[in-house]
C-alpha atoms as a PDB file:
ATOM      1  CA  MET A   1     -55.252 -18.263  -2.053  1.00  0.00           C
ATOM      2  CA  ILE A   2     -54.557 -21.359   0.024  1.00  0.00           C
ATOM      3  CA  THR A   3     -52.487 -21.097   3.219  1.00  0.00           C
ATOM      4  CA  VAL A   4     -49.566 -23.187   4.445  1.00  0.00           C
ATOM      5  CA  GLN A   5     -51.673 -24.319   7.430  1.00  0.00           C
ATOM      6  CA  GLU A   6     -54.451 -25.598   5.151  1.00  0.00           C
ATOM      7  CA  VAL A   7     -51.981 -27.584   3.042  1.00  0.00           C
ATOM      8  CA  LYS A   8     -50.225 -28.962   6.150  1.00  0.00           C
ATOM      9  CA  ALA A   9     -53.554 -30.192   7.532  1.00  0.00           C
ATOM     10  CA  ILE A  10     -54.354 -31.978   4.267  1.00  0.00           C
ATOM     11  CA  VAL A  11     -50.878 -33.534   3.987  1.00  0.00           C
ATOM     12  CA  GLU A  12     -50.727 -34.662   7.624  1.00  0.00           C
ATOM     13  CA  ARG A  13     -54.128 -36.335   7.265  1.00  0.00           C
ATOM     14  CA  HIS A  14     -52.775 -38.370   4.325  1.00  0.00           C
ATOM     15  CA  LEU A  15     -49.521 -39.197   6.141  1.00  0.00           C
ATOM     16  CA  MET A  16     -51.271 -40.768   9.144  1.00  0.00           C
ATOM     17  CA  ASP A  17     -50.312 -44.423   9.604  1.00  0.00           C
ATOM     18  CA  THR A  18     -47.830 -44.367   6.687  1.00  0.00           C
ATOM     19  CA  GLY A  19     -44.600 -43.886   8.654  1.00  0.00           C
ATOM     20  CA  HIS A  20     -43.755 -40.897   6.436  1.00  0.00           C
ATOM     21  CA  PHE A  21     -43.290 -37.443   7.940  1.00  0.00           C
ATOM     22  CA  LEU A  22     -43.835 -33.903   6.700  1.00  0.00           C
ATOM     23  CA  VAL A  23     -40.654 -31.873   6.251  1.00  0.00           C
ATOM     24  CA  ASP A  24     -41.930 -28.618   4.762  1.00  0.00           C
ATOM     25  CA  VAL A  25     -44.748 -26.880   2.921  1.00  0.00           C
ATOM     26  CA  VAL A  26     -44.184 -23.721   0.900  1.00  0.00           C
ATOM     27  CA  VAL A  27     -46.879 -21.713  -0.872  1.00  0.00           C
ATOM     28  CA  ARG A  28     -45.289 -19.532  -3.558  1.00  0.00           C
ATOM     29  CA  PRO A  29     -46.801 -16.694  -5.563  1.00  0.00           C
ATOM     30  CA  GLY A  30     -48.958 -17.838  -8.443  1.00  0.00           C
ATOM     31  CA  ASP A  31     -50.541 -20.559  -6.275  1.00  0.00           C
ATOM     32  CA  LYS A  32     -47.587 -22.921  -6.506  1.00  0.00           C
ATOM     33  CA  VAL A  33     -47.506 -25.368  -3.579  1.00  0.00           C
ATOM     34  CA  VAL A  34     -44.336 -27.334  -2.775  1.00  0.00           C
ATOM     35  CA  VAL A  35     -44.578 -30.213  -0.279  1.00  0.00           C
ATOM     36  CA  GLU A  36     -41.549 -32.109   1.056  1.00  0.00           C
ATOM     37  CA  VAL A  37     -42.109 -35.505   2.684  1.00  0.00           C
ATOM     38  CA  ASP A  38     -39.601 -38.063   3.959  1.00  0.00           C
ATOM     39  CA  ASP A  39     -39.479 -41.467   5.627  1.00  0.00           C
ATOM     40  CA  PRO A  40     -37.218 -42.897   8.364  1.00  0.00           C
ATOM     41  CA  ARG A  41     -35.888 -45.403   5.821  1.00  0.00           C
ATOM     42  CA  SER A  42     -36.497 -44.078   2.337  1.00  0.00           C
ATOM     43  CA  ILE A  43     -39.480 -42.925   0.350  1.00  0.00           C
ATOM     44  CA  ARG A  44     -40.182 -44.326  -3.102  1.00  0.00           C
ATOM     45  CA  LEU A  45     -41.341 -42.460  -6.155  1.00  0.00           C
ATOM     46  CA  GLU A  46     -44.594 -44.456  -6.268  1.00  0.00           C
ATOM     47  CA  GLN A  47     -45.389 -43.379  -2.709  1.00  0.00           C
ATOM     48  CA  LEU A  48     -44.771 -39.722  -3.584  1.00  0.00           C
ATOM     49  CA  ALA A  49     -46.951 -40.041  -6.697  1.00  0.00           C
ATOM     50  CA  ALA A  50     -49.802 -41.591  -4.684  1.00  0.00           C
ATOM     51  CA  LEU A  51     -49.521 -38.839  -2.065  1.00  0.00           C
ATOM     52  CA  ASN A  52     -49.530 -36.192  -4.797  1.00  0.00           C
ATOM     53  CA  LYS A  53     -52.705 -37.680  -6.263  1.00  0.00           C
ATOM     54  CA  ALA A  54     -54.445 -37.787  -2.848  1.00  0.00           C
ATOM     55  CA  ILE A  55     -53.476 -34.208  -1.962  1.00  0.00           C
ATOM     56  CA  ARG A  56     -54.510 -33.016  -5.427  1.00  0.00           C
ATOM     57  CA  ALA A  57     -57.962 -34.623  -4.991  1.00  0.00           C
ATOM     58  CA  ASP A  58     -58.473 -32.802  -1.666  1.00  0.00           C
ATOM     59  CA  LEU A  59     -57.306 -29.477  -3.088  1.00  0.00           C
ATOM     60  CA  ASP A  60     -59.578 -29.842  -6.122  1.00  0.00           C
ATOM     61  CA  ALA A  61     -62.526 -30.787  -3.872  1.00  0.00           C
ATOM     62  CA  GLY A  62     -61.867 -27.634  -1.836  1.00  0.00           C
ATOM     63  CA  GLY A  63     -61.930 -25.492  -4.958  1.00  0.00           C
ATOM     64  CA  HIS A  64     -58.208 -24.692  -4.892  1.00  0.00           C
ATOM     65  CA  ASP A  65     -56.634 -24.482  -8.328  1.00  0.00           C
ATOM     66  CA  VAL A  66     -52.916 -24.715  -7.548  1.00  0.00           C
ATOM     67  CA  GLU A  67     -49.754 -26.092  -9.100  1.00  0.00           C
ATOM     68  CA  LEU A  68     -48.716 -28.922  -6.761  1.00  0.00           C
ATOM     69  CA  GLN A  69     -45.244 -30.400  -6.390  1.00  0.00           C
ATOM     70  CA  VAL A  70     -44.652 -33.267  -3.935  1.00  0.00           C
ATOM     71  CA  GLY A  71     -41.139 -34.565  -3.381  1.00  0.00           C
ATOM     72  CA  SER A  72     -38.523 -35.563  -0.864  1.00  0.00           C
ATOM     73  CA  PRO A  73     -35.935 -33.134   0.505  1.00  0.00           C
ATOM     74  CA  GLY A  74     -32.690 -33.041  -1.445  1.00  0.00           C
ATOM     75  CA  MET A  75     -29.559 -34.662  -0.023  1.00  0.00           C
ATOM     76  CA  GLY A  76     -27.598 -31.420   0.163  1.00  0.00           C
ATOM     77  CA  ARG A  77     -30.366 -29.489   1.899  1.00  0.00           C
ATOM     78  CA  PRO A  78     -30.254 -28.572   5.601  1.00  0.00           C
ATOM     79  CA  PHE A  79     -32.406 -30.571   8.017  1.00  0.00           C
ATOM     80  CA  LYS A  80     -35.673 -28.858   8.967  1.00  0.00           C
ATOM     81  CA  VAL A  81     -37.427 -31.263  11.354  1.00  0.00           C
ATOM     82  CA  PRO A  82     -36.227 -33.505  14.228  1.00  0.00           C
ATOM     83  CA  GLU A  83     -37.188 -36.670  12.336  1.00  0.00           C
ATOM     84  CA  GLN A  84     -34.462 -35.927   9.763  1.00  0.00           C
ATOM     85  CA  TYR A  85     -31.816 -35.930  12.512  1.00  0.00           C
ATOM     86  CA  VAL A  86     -33.107 -39.268  13.800  1.00  0.00           C
ATOM     87  CA  LYS A  87     -33.080 -40.692  10.256  1.00  0.00           C
ATOM     88  CA  HIS A  88     -29.398 -39.772   9.864  1.00  0.00           C
ATOM     89  CA  THR A  89     -28.242 -41.140  13.226  1.00  0.00           C
ATOM     90  CA  GLY A  90     -25.226 -43.365  12.580  1.00  0.00           C
ATOM     91  CA  ARG A  91     -24.318 -41.506   9.385  1.00  0.00           C
ATOM     92  CA  LEU A  92     -21.866 -38.742   8.509  1.00  0.00           C
ATOM     93  CA  VAL A  93     -23.267 -35.218   8.701  1.00  0.00           C
ATOM     94  CA  GLN A  94     -21.944 -31.711   8.130  1.00  0.00           C
ATOM     95  CA  VAL A  95     -22.645 -29.199  10.867  1.00  0.00           C
ATOM     96  CA  GLU A  96     -22.257 -25.465  10.414  1.00  0.00           C
ATOM     97  CA  MET A  97     -21.879 -23.769  13.778  1.00  0.00           C
ATOM     98  CA  ALA A  98     -23.325 -20.356  14.609  1.00  0.00           C
ATOM     99  CA  ASP A  99     -19.764 -18.963  14.837  1.00  0.00           C
ATOM    100  CA  GLY A 100     -19.046 -20.041  11.230  1.00  0.00           C
ATOM    101  CA  ARG A 101     -17.009 -23.197  11.941  1.00  0.00           C
ATOM    102  CA  LYS A 102     -17.838 -26.259   9.853  1.00  0.00           C
ATOM    103  CA  LEU A 103     -17.579 -29.717  11.365  1.00  0.00           C
ATOM    104  CA  GLU A 104     -18.085 -33.115   9.845  1.00  0.00           C
ATOM    105  CA  GLY A 105     -18.618 -36.269  11.813  1.00  0.00           C
ATOM    106  CA  LEU A 106     -20.657 -39.297  12.747  1.00  0.00           C
ATOM    107  CA  LEU A 107     -24.023 -38.391  14.262  1.00  0.00           C
ATOM    108  CA  GLU A 108     -24.260 -40.748  17.223  1.00  0.00           C
ATOM    109  CA  LYS A 109     -27.342 -39.444  18.976  1.00  0.00           C
ATOM    110  CA  VAL A 110     -29.906 -36.688  19.027  1.00  0.00           C
ATOM    111  CA  ALA A 111     -30.404 -35.483  22.591  1.00  0.00           C
ATOM    112  CA  PRO A 112     -32.772 -32.839  23.978  1.00  0.00           C
ATOM    113  CA  GLU A 113     -29.787 -30.588  24.675  1.00  0.00           C
ATOM    114  CA  GLY A 114     -28.076 -31.078  21.310  1.00  0.00           C
ATOM    115  CA  LEU A 115     -26.355 -33.411  18.857  1.00  0.00           C
ATOM    116  CA  VAL A 116     -23.813 -36.005  19.952  1.00  0.00           C
ATOM    117  CA  LEU A 117     -21.182 -36.087  17.220  1.00  0.00           C
ATOM    118  CA  ARG A 118     -17.877 -37.915  16.802  1.00  0.00           C
ATOM    119  CA  ILE A 119     -15.946 -35.276  14.895  1.00  0.00           C
ATOM    120  CA  GLN A 120     -13.992 -36.421  11.849  1.00  0.00           C
ATOM    121  CA  HIS A 121     -10.477 -35.064  11.216  1.00  0.00           C
ATOM    122  CA  PRO A 122      -8.784 -35.336   7.818  1.00  0.00           C
ATOM    123  CA  SER A 123      -5.629 -37.453   7.663  1.00  0.00           C
ATOM    124  CA  LYS A 124      -2.310 -35.628   7.425  1.00  0.00           C
ATOM    125  CA  VAL A 125      -1.029 -38.383   5.136  1.00  0.00           C
ATOM    126  CA  LYS A 126      -2.401 -38.345   1.605  1.00  0.00           C
ATOM    127  CA  GLY A 127      -4.417 -41.450   0.753  1.00  0.00           C
ATOM    128  CA  ARG A 128      -5.259 -42.396   4.342  1.00  0.00           C
ATOM    129  CA  PRO A 129      -8.850 -42.208   5.496  1.00  0.00           C
ATOM    130  CA  ALA A 130     -10.040 -39.512   7.882  1.00  0.00           C
ATOM    131  CA  LYS A 131     -10.202 -40.405  11.578  1.00  0.00           C
ATOM    132  CA  LEU A 132     -13.094 -40.011  13.981  1.00  0.00           C
ATOM    133  CA  ASP A 133     -12.547 -38.708  17.500  1.00  0.00           C
ATOM    134  CA  PRO A 134     -12.681 -41.597  19.984  1.00  0.00           C
ATOM    135  CA  GLU A 135     -14.923 -39.561  22.296  1.00  0.00           C
ATOM    136  CA  PRO A 136     -18.207 -37.981  21.198  1.00  0.00           C
ATOM    137  CA  THR A 137     -18.782 -34.232  21.491  1.00  0.00           C
ATOM    138  CA  LEU A 138     -22.085 -32.628  22.493  1.00  0.00           C
ATOM    139  CA  LEU A 139     -23.039 -29.708  20.246  1.00  0.00           C
ATOM    140  CA  ALA A 140     -25.815 -27.569  21.734  1.00  0.00           C
ATOM    141  CA  HIS A 141     -28.766 -26.893  19.421  1.00  0.00           C
ATOM    142  CA  THR A 142     -28.338 -23.164  20.102  1.00  0.00           C
ATOM    143  CA  ASP A 143     -24.757 -23.279  18.749  1.00  0.00           C
ATOM    144  CA  ILE A 144     -25.759 -24.940  15.451  1.00  0.00           C
ATOM    145  CA  ARG A 145     -26.755 -22.910  12.400  1.00  0.00           C
ATOM    146  CA  GLU A 146     -27.554 -25.888  10.150  1.00  0.00           C
ATOM    147  CA  THR A 147     -26.953 -29.596   9.695  1.00  0.00           C
ATOM    148  CA  LYS A 148     -27.090 -31.639   6.517  1.00  0.00           C
ATOM    149  CA  ALA A 149     -26.186 -35.115   5.330  1.00  0.00           C
ATOM    150  CA  SER A 150     -22.603 -35.549   4.210  1.00  0.00           C
ATOM    151  CA  ILE A 151     -22.323 -36.841   0.665  1.00  0.00           C
ATOM    152  CA  LYS A 152     -19.231 -38.856  -0.285  1.00  0.00           C
ATOM    153  CA  PHE A 153     -18.422 -40.234  -3.717  1.00  0.00           C
ATOM    154  CA  ASN A 154     -15.762 -42.921  -3.938  1.00  0.00           C
END
């Protein structure tokens, strides 16, 4: 059975000089391997297909018969790596705090000590847009349970 570390090494070798970054690798029972890759801008289906083909060739050459799935992380999924926070700087995010509170706001900056967020407050008048705090708030990494992109449909 192949290990997560072996798959990560193969994937990272193929990601060199592409600008893409590895988000996660999961090896499930039955030799099913799931690889999540993203890009600071966006990653196209053709790029994922080419990466899948390259990884598959290396796995086959190593004698690993696995079911391989290569994709990008879903929009509603929590961030797993620092590059995802950087990618979403300047966008609305949802932050679930360790104490259970849920905040939504504009991610202004990712700092070593935490996230700098301008918290969004819903309008008290129906039909008016929500307002962002004028001053940013620093949320310590240790106080955050998870962060994910905020999805709005108009």
